[in-house]
Each structure stands twice: as C-alpha cells, then as structure tokens.
C-alpha cells in the first residue's frame, strides 16, 4: 500500500509505500558485506514486495549507492521509490568510525549540486524521487541557504522529485518544517518503543504541513533488538545505564505478555498517522524474513495498555489495532 502526498503539497505525486529498505548496511555501516551479499539482500527485498529504497553518499562513501544502483538496474525504474542524501559524506569504501571522524559536513550550494550528480552516477539513474538533506542539525541556516536552494533548482529541473531531510534530531526537523517546503522527513531513532520525542511537536507540525514521515531506527541502533545485556548499543555507541534499565523493563513486560520486543518495536511506529513509511534495515535475507514475520505477529490489546500504565510509552501515543498494523 502506498500513501500519496496531498495535492498541491511539495511532495505531490510522491507515493510512499508502508515499508521501505534502508541500505546503510550495504556500505559497511558496522560489519563488512560482500557485493554478492548486498545483491542478494536487495533482490530479496524486491521479491518481498518492498519498493522504497533509501541510501546516502555517506554510507561507505557511496558504496551503498553503487551496490543498490547495480541491483536495482535490473528492475523497471518506474516501479520503485529511490531516496538518497546530501550534505554529509566520507571517503569511498570507508566504514563508519565510532566518533564519525573523517566525515565531511558541507551544506553549500555547489557541494549539493556535485553530490547529487555523483549519486546519480553511482545509482545508475537519471532522476531520484527524494533527496534528503543529511544531518543538518547544527547547520540549519547554511543548509537552508545552500543545500535547500540547490535542491529546489534540481527539483525544478526534474532531476529530483522531492526534497526531504534525514536526521536523528526531532527538534531540528520541527524547526526546518517552519522554514521550507519539504515533502518528507526521515526521522531516525526518535519515535520508537523506547522513546517518543517526536510526539508533542514534530508530528503535529508534519500533519499540519503535509510532511510525510519515514520512520527509521526502530531498534534505537540496536538495543531494542538485542536487549540490555553486555555490548548493547544506543545512539551508535554503548548504551548508558538509564537506557539499559528502561529497556530491561520493556523486555520484562513483554515476557509477561508473551510478546516479542522486536515485533512491538516494528509495529508501534506505524500506528501514528504522521508515519507513512517504516524503514527496515538489515544486511541479510534472514533479517528481512524475520522482520516481515514480526510485522505480521499478533499482539494482544492489553499489552499496549500495560506499556502506558507502567510509564514505558507516552499516554498520548497511538497504538496499533488488535492483531497488528493494517495497510
């Protein structure tokens, strides 16, 4: 099921499917992935009916784009939504450093034009559906004066279909919603079973302005999938004690109700009307198959109420219908 943007909005004509694939892992986000493994994952996504693919110049310095473009080249371009990002980059083939050392943040007009042109070559396409401004959290003025103006030009020329922003900061996105005409926001880690920071300000603003939310990072960079044990990761690093404690409480409640934490984490964000697409990650076919199964897993109504009663989920957060998400 695809959700079209409102007529007359900056994203008019953009159709966002309910499930998409975030291709960061194809660029060595944490663990090396071979060309053959990357190709097999994309093919499995396609066979499963997934038709939105999100990548970035940052992921492996463009390696994710190269691999995604090569795999998607065998499929009709009109049948999928392709998203990439500009503004943050690293040398080609470089894995993510723990402190992001070596990453380049550049939100200038000229860099945006060059970056999009390079992404098109790596992706083997003449047009992308969405280009997100990538992590402009501390450079909002420069991003609007530079990158945003460049993307407006490219949108007018038909090189890109829509302008978005990708960020872990709900505050930055809420501010940018006031400043520009954006079709969508890719929000990572800020609307999950663990935390709902986007609920009071960002999501109402998105609904008011017709900005679609693509929701990523539903496991908060790992801890909701692995539990709070040794080595649990949060915010791309070691989880602090207070986060580990909260996750421990979530796991305990899920055990009492016979619910998989991962199933609840995957289904929860889709209940909010601002969230149009859930972005799945993963570097293997096994991850994909597990996540799709968990999205269909029935969760008893009483579970969601118990989460709120124990203060683990914001009382104002919408929850999925009985039996799991629909549509």
Protein backbone atom coordinates (compact mmCIF):
# COMPACT_ATOMS: atom_id res chain seq x y z
CA UNK A 1 0.00 0.00 0.00
CA UNK A 2 1.36 3.42 -1.00
CA UNK A 3 0.38 6.74 0.54
CA UNK A 4 0.27 9.68 -1.89
CA UNK A 5 1.26 13.17 -0.83
CA UNK A 6 -1.53 15.72 -0.59
CA UNK A 7 -2.43 17.51 -3.81
CA UNK A 8 -0.61 20.84 -4.06
CA UNK A 9 1.98 19.90 -1.42
CA UNK A 10 5.76 19.90 -2.14
CA UNK A 11 5.55 16.13 -2.41
CA UNK A 12 2.53 15.96 -4.70
CA UNK A 13 2.91 12.87 -6.87
CA UNK A 14 5.25 11.18 -4.39
CA UNK A 15 3.85 7.83 -3.31
CA UNK A 16 5.39 6.30 -0.22
CA UNK A 17 4.90 2.58 0.46
CA UNK A 18 4.34 1.46 4.03
CA UNK A 19 7.61 -0.50 4.16
CA UNK A 20 10.99 0.55 2.79
CA UNK A 21 14.59 -0.63 2.90
CA UNK A 22 17.35 1.43 4.50
CA UNK A 23 20.55 0.44 2.71
CA UNK A 24 23.13 1.77 5.19
CA UNK A 25 24.40 -1.74 5.90
CA UNK A 26 25.33 -2.16 2.24
CA UNK A 27 28.00 0.48 2.85
CA UNK A 28 29.72 -1.28 5.76
CA UNK A 29 27.75 0.53 8.46
CA UNK A 30 29.11 -1.82 11.11
CA UNK A 31 30.06 -5.15 9.55
CA UNK A 32 31.63 -5.86 6.14
CA UNK A 33 29.19 -7.00 3.46
CA UNK A 34 30.30 -8.54 0.16
CA UNK A 35 28.98 -7.49 -3.24
CA UNK A 36 27.22 -10.83 -3.53
CA UNK A 37 25.55 -10.49 -0.11
CA UNK A 38 24.41 -6.95 -0.92
CA UNK A 39 22.93 -8.04 -4.23
CA UNK A 40 21.10 -10.95 -2.61
CA UNK A 41 19.58 -8.71 0.07
CA UNK A 42 18.25 -6.20 -2.45
CA UNK A 43 16.81 -9.00 -4.58
CA UNK A 44 15.12 -10.47 -1.51
CA UNK A 45 13.65 -7.06 -0.68
CA UNK A 46 12.29 -6.77 -4.20
CA UNK A 47 10.84 -10.30 -4.11
CA UNK A 48 9.12 -9.43 -0.81
CA UNK A 49 7.37 -6.50 -2.49
CA UNK A 50 9.43 -3.70 -0.94
CA UNK A 51 9.51 -0.72 -3.29
CA UNK A 52 11.20 2.11 -1.40
CA UNK A 53 15.00 2.14 -1.16
CA UNK A 54 16.92 4.66 0.91
CA UNK A 55 20.66 5.25 0.72
CA UNK A 56 23.18 8.08 1.09
CA UNK A 57 26.52 9.32 -0.16
CA UNK A 58 27.67 8.84 3.44
CA UNK A 59 27.15 5.08 3.61
CA UNK A 60 30.52 3.60 2.76
CA UNK A 61 31.38 6.84 0.99
CA UNK A 62 28.93 5.95 -1.79
CA UNK A 63 29.46 2.18 -1.74
CA UNK A 64 25.85 1.64 -0.67
CA UNK A 65 24.69 3.70 -3.67
CA UNK A 66 26.88 1.71 -6.04
CA UNK A 67 25.59 -1.61 -4.80
CA UNK A 68 21.96 -0.50 -4.65
CA UNK A 69 22.13 1.01 -8.12
CA UNK A 70 23.67 -2.14 -9.57
CA UNK A 71 20.99 -4.37 -8.04
CA UNK A 72 18.05 -2.14 -8.95
CA UNK A 73 19.24 -1.65 -12.54
CA UNK A 74 17.59 -4.93 -13.48
CA UNK A 75 14.16 -3.67 -12.38
CA UNK A 76 11.85 -1.10 -14.01
CA UNK A 77 12.72 2.37 -12.71
CA UNK A 78 9.09 3.47 -12.54
CA UNK A 79 8.22 0.70 -10.08
CA UNK A 80 10.20 1.87 -7.05
CA UNK A 81 10.88 4.98 -4.96
CA UNK A 82 14.57 5.87 -4.68
CA UNK A 83 15.90 8.17 -1.96
CA UNK A 84 19.40 9.41 -1.23
CA UNK A 85 21.01 12.16 0.85
CA UNK A 86 23.45 15.06 0.51
CA UNK A 87 25.40 17.22 2.94
CA UNK A 88 27.39 14.57 4.77
CA UNK A 89 29.97 12.28 3.20
CA UNK A 90 33.12 10.22 3.76
CA UNK A 91 35.79 8.68 1.50
CA UNK A 92 34.61 5.90 -0.78
CA UNK A 93 34.53 2.48 0.87
CA UNK A 94 35.16 3.82 4.38
CA UNK A 95 33.25 2.25 7.24
CA UNK A 96 31.66 4.29 9.99
CA UNK A 97 34.10 5.41 12.69
CA UNK A 98 32.86 5.35 16.31
CA UNK A 99 33.23 9.13 16.58
CA UNK A 100 32.36 9.93 12.96
CA UNK A 101 35.93 11.15 12.46
CA UNK A 102 36.70 11.70 8.81
CA UNK A 103 33.11 12.57 7.93
CA UNK A 104 32.59 15.77 5.99
CA UNK A 105 29.64 18.08 6.60
CA UNK A 106 29.13 20.51 3.72
CA UNK A 107 25.78 22.22 3.16
CA UNK A 108 26.92 24.63 0.47
CA UNK A 109 25.01 25.17 -2.77
CA UNK A 110 27.81 23.93 -5.04
CA UNK A 111 28.56 20.82 -2.99
CA UNK A 112 24.91 19.81 -3.11
CA UNK A 113 24.85 20.04 -6.89
CA UNK A 114 28.06 18.00 -7.21
CA UNK A 115 26.89 15.45 -4.65
CA UNK A 116 23.59 14.80 -6.41
CA UNK A 117 25.38 14.43 -9.74
CA UNK A 118 27.79 11.90 -8.22
CA UNK A 119 24.94 9.99 -6.58
CA UNK A 120 23.09 9.72 -9.89
CA UNK A 121 26.17 8.15 -11.47
CA UNK A 122 26.62 5.67 -8.63
CA UNK A 123 22.93 4.77 -8.65
CA UNK A 124 22.87 4.45 -12.47
CA UNK A 125 19.75 6.63 -12.81
CA UNK A 126 18.88 10.00 -14.30
CA UNK A 127 16.50 11.00 -11.52
CA UNK A 128 15.86 10.24 -7.86
CA UNK A 129 12.50 10.55 -6.16
CA UNK A 130 13.70 12.12 -2.91
CA UNK A 131 16.92 13.81 -1.84
CA UNK A 132 17.25 14.34 1.91
CA UNK A 133 19.48 16.97 3.48
CA UNK A 134 21.61 14.73 5.69
CA UNK A 135 22.02 15.55 9.40
CA UNK A 136 21.98 19.37 9.18
CA UNK A 137 21.16 19.61 12.90
CA UNK A 138 23.90 22.13 13.78
CA UNK A 139 23.93 23.94 10.43
CA UNK A 140 20.29 24.83 9.78
CA UNK A 141 20.98 28.27 8.33
CA UNK A 142 23.66 27.01 5.96
CA UNK A 143 21.51 24.04 4.95
CA UNK A 144 18.60 26.29 4.02
CA UNK A 145 20.74 28.88 2.25
CA UNK A 146 22.89 26.36 0.42
CA UNK A 147 21.66 22.78 0.08
CA UNK A 148 17.96 23.61 0.09
CA UNK A 149 18.29 26.20 -2.69
CA UNK A 150 20.33 23.75 -4.78
CA UNK A 151 17.71 21.05 -4.33
CA UNK A 152 14.96 23.49 -5.25
CA UNK A 153 16.78 24.12 -8.51
CA UNK A 154 17.18 20.41 -9.20
CA UNK A 155 13.54 19.79 -8.37
CA UNK A 156 12.57 22.48 -10.87
CA UNK A 157 14.76 20.82 -13.49
CA UNK A 158 13.15 17.43 -12.84
CA UNK A 159 16.38 15.84 -11.59
CA UNK A 160 14.80 15.13 -8.21
CA UNK A 161 11.17 14.64 -7.34
CA UNK A 162 11.01 15.93 -3.79
CA UNK A 163 13.11 17.48 -1.02
CA UNK A 164 13.38 15.94 2.42
CA UNK A 165 15.60 15.94 5.50
CA UNK A 166 17.15 12.97 7.27
CA UNK A 167 18.03 13.44 10.93
CA UNK A 168 18.14 11.95 14.42
CA UNK A 169 17.02 15.30 15.84
CA UNK A 170 13.27 15.84 16.14
CA UNK A 171 13.95 19.43 17.22
CA UNK A 172 15.92 20.22 14.05
CA UNK A 173 13.21 18.71 11.86
CA UNK A 174 10.47 20.63 13.67
CA UNK A 175 12.37 23.87 13.05
CA UNK A 176 13.04 23.06 9.39
CA UNK A 177 9.35 22.32 8.88
CA UNK A 178 8.77 26.02 9.58
CA UNK A 179 11.48 27.20 7.19
CA UNK A 180 10.97 25.29 3.95
CA UNK A 181 8.64 23.34 1.72
CA UNK A 182 9.54 19.73 2.44
CA UNK A 183 7.78 16.63 1.16
CA UNK A 184 9.08 14.22 3.79
CA UNK A 185 11.36 13.77 6.76
CA UNK A 186 13.40 10.67 7.51
CA UNK A 187 13.39 10.52 11.30
CA UNK A 188 15.78 8.03 12.87
CA UNK A 189 15.65 6.74 16.47
CA UNK A 190 13.26 9.38 17.82
CA UNK A 191 9.90 7.64 17.53
CA UNK A 192 10.30 4.14 18.86
CA UNK A 193 9.06 1.85 21.59
CA UNK A 194 11.89 3.24 23.72
CA UNK A 195 11.30 6.96 23.23
CA UNK A 196 8.66 9.18 21.63
CA UNK A 197 10.39 12.54 21.43
CA UNK A 198 8.71 13.35 18.11
CA UNK A 199 5.20 13.08 19.55
CA UNK A 200 4.47 16.51 21.10
CA UNK A 201 5.85 18.94 18.48
CA UNK A 202 7.29 17.36 15.33
CA UNK A 203 4.47 15.01 14.38
CA UNK A 204 1.67 17.57 14.80
CA UNK A 205 3.68 20.00 12.70
CA UNK A 206 4.21 17.39 10.00
CA UNK A 207 0.48 16.60 9.89
CA UNK A 208 -0.34 20.31 9.70
CA UNK A 209 2.09 20.94 6.84
CA UNK A 210 1.56 17.70 4.91
CA UNK A 211 5.09 16.39 5.53
CA UNK A 212 5.29 12.61 5.38
CA UNK A 213 7.44 10.87 7.99
CA UNK A 214 9.67 7.97 7.01
CA UNK A 215 10.47 6.34 10.34
CA UNK A 216 13.83 4.63 10.75
CA UNK A 217 15.97 3.29 13.55
CA UNK A 218 13.09 1.49 15.26
CA UNK A 219 15.53 -0.56 17.36
CA UNK A 220 17.39 2.56 18.56
CA UNK A 221 20.58 1.46 16.79
CA UNK A 222 20.41 -2.00 18.29
CA UNK A 223 19.39 -2.16 21.94
CA UNK A 224 15.70 -2.93 21.34
CA UNK A 225 16.69 -5.88 19.16
CA UNK A 226 19.41 -7.31 21.38
CA UNK A 227 18.23 -6.41 24.88
CA UNK A 228 20.15 -4.54 27.55
CA UNK A 229 22.97 -7.02 28.05
CA UNK A 230 26.69 -6.51 27.64
CA UNK A 231 27.58 -4.71 24.42
CA UNK A 232 24.11 -3.24 23.86
CA UNK A 233 24.28 -0.22 21.56
CA UNK A 234 22.26 3.00 21.65
CA UNK A 235 22.88 6.17 19.64
CA UNK A 236 25.54 4.22 17.69
CA UNK A 237 27.56 3.65 20.85
CA UNK A 238 27.45 1.90 24.22
CA UNK A 239 24.07 2.27 25.93
CA UNK A 240 24.09 4.31 29.17
CA UNK A 241 22.73 2.76 32.40
CA UNK A 242 19.41 4.63 32.37
CA UNK A 243 18.65 3.41 28.83
CA UNK A 244 19.64 -0.14 29.72
CA UNK A 245 17.32 0.00 32.73
CA UNK A 246 14.37 1.18 30.65
CA UNK A 247 14.97 -1.48 28.03
CA UNK A 248 15.18 -4.09 30.77
CA UNK A 249 11.74 -3.02 31.96
CA UNK A 250 10.39 -3.23 28.40
CA UNK A 251 11.74 -6.75 28.00
CA UNK A 252 10.28 -7.84 31.34
CA UNK A 253 6.82 -6.53 30.45
CA UNK A 254 6.97 -8.19 27.04
CA UNK A 255 7.85 -11.52 28.64
CA UNK A 256 4.86 -11.24 30.95
CA UNK A 257 2.55 -10.69 27.98
CA UNK A 258 4.20 -13.22 25.68
CA UNK A 259 5.13 -10.51 23.17
CA UNK A 260 8.32 -10.21 21.14
CA UNK A 261 10.02 -6.87 21.82
CA UNK A 262 11.12 -6.69 18.21
CA UNK A 263 7.58 -7.26 16.95
CA UNK A 264 6.27 -4.49 19.21
CA UNK A 265 9.11 -2.17 18.15
CA UNK A 266 8.38 -2.72 14.46
CA UNK A 267 4.61 -2.33 14.73
CA UNK A 268 4.39 0.58 17.16
CA UNK A 269 5.52 3.50 14.90
CA UNK A 270 3.10 2.65 12.09
CA UNK A 271 0.14 3.44 14.34
CA UNK A 272 0.84 7.17 14.19
CA UNK A 273 -0.87 8.95 11.27
CA UNK A 274 2.22 11.07 10.56
CA UNK A 275 4.30 7.94 9.84
CA UNK A 276 3.80 6.91 6.24
CA UNK A 277 6.74 4.51 5.85
CA UNK A 278 8.63 2.18 8.15
CA UNK A 279 12.25 1.79 7.10
CA UNK A 280 13.73 -1.66 7.63
CA UNK A 281 17.48 -2.15 7.78
CA UNK A 282 19.46 -5.35 7.80
CA UNK A 283 22.30 -6.88 5.87
CA UNK A 284 20.96 -10.39 5.37
CA UNK A 285 17.95 -12.20 3.97
CA UNK A 286 17.42 -13.76 7.40
CA UNK A 287 16.99 -10.26 8.94
CA UNK A 288 14.47 -9.35 6.27
CA UNK A 289 12.43 -12.52 6.69
CA UNK A 290 12.39 -12.14 10.47
CA UNK A 291 11.28 -8.50 10.35
CA UNK A 292 8.49 -9.17 7.87
CA UNK A 293 7.26 -12.04 10.03
CA UNK A 294 7.33 -9.89 13.16
CA UNK A 295 5.37 -7.15 11.42
CA UNK A 296 2.54 -9.67 10.99
CA UNK A 297 2.74 -11.08 14.50
CA UNK A 298 -0.47 -10.64 16.52
CA UNK A 299 -0.06 -8.59 19.70
CA UNK A 300 -2.81 -8.64 22.37
CA UNK A 301 -4.62 -5.36 23.04
CA UNK A 302 -3.80 -5.47 26.72
CA UNK A 303 -0.10 -5.20 26.02
CA UNK A 304 -0.26 -1.63 24.74
CA UNK A 305 -2.31 -0.51 27.71
CA UNK A 306 0.19 -2.13 30.07
CA UNK A 307 3.04 -0.24 28.42
CA UNK A 308 1.29 3.05 29.10
CA UNK A 309 0.24 2.07 32.62
CA UNK A 310 3.86 1.38 33.54
CA UNK A 311 5.05 4.66 32.04
CA UNK A 312 7.05 2.99 29.30
CA UNK A 313 5.17 4.64 26.42
CA UNK A 314 3.71 8.14 26.22
CA UNK A 315 -0.01 8.00 27.11
CA UNK A 316 -0.80 10.13 24.04
CA UNK A 317 0.89 7.75 21.58
CA UNK A 318 -1.46 5.96 19.16
CA UNK A 319 -1.11 2.17 19.28
CA UNK A 320 -1.70 -0.49 16.63
CA UNK A 321 -5.10 -2.09 16.23
CA UNK A 322 -5.79 -5.60 17.52
CA UNK A 323 -3.81 -8.14 15.56
CA UNK A 324 -1.13 -5.72 14.37
CA UNK A 325 -0.83 -2.89 11.81
CA UNK A 326 -3.10 -2.74 8.79
CA UNK A 327 -2.47 -1.48 5.32
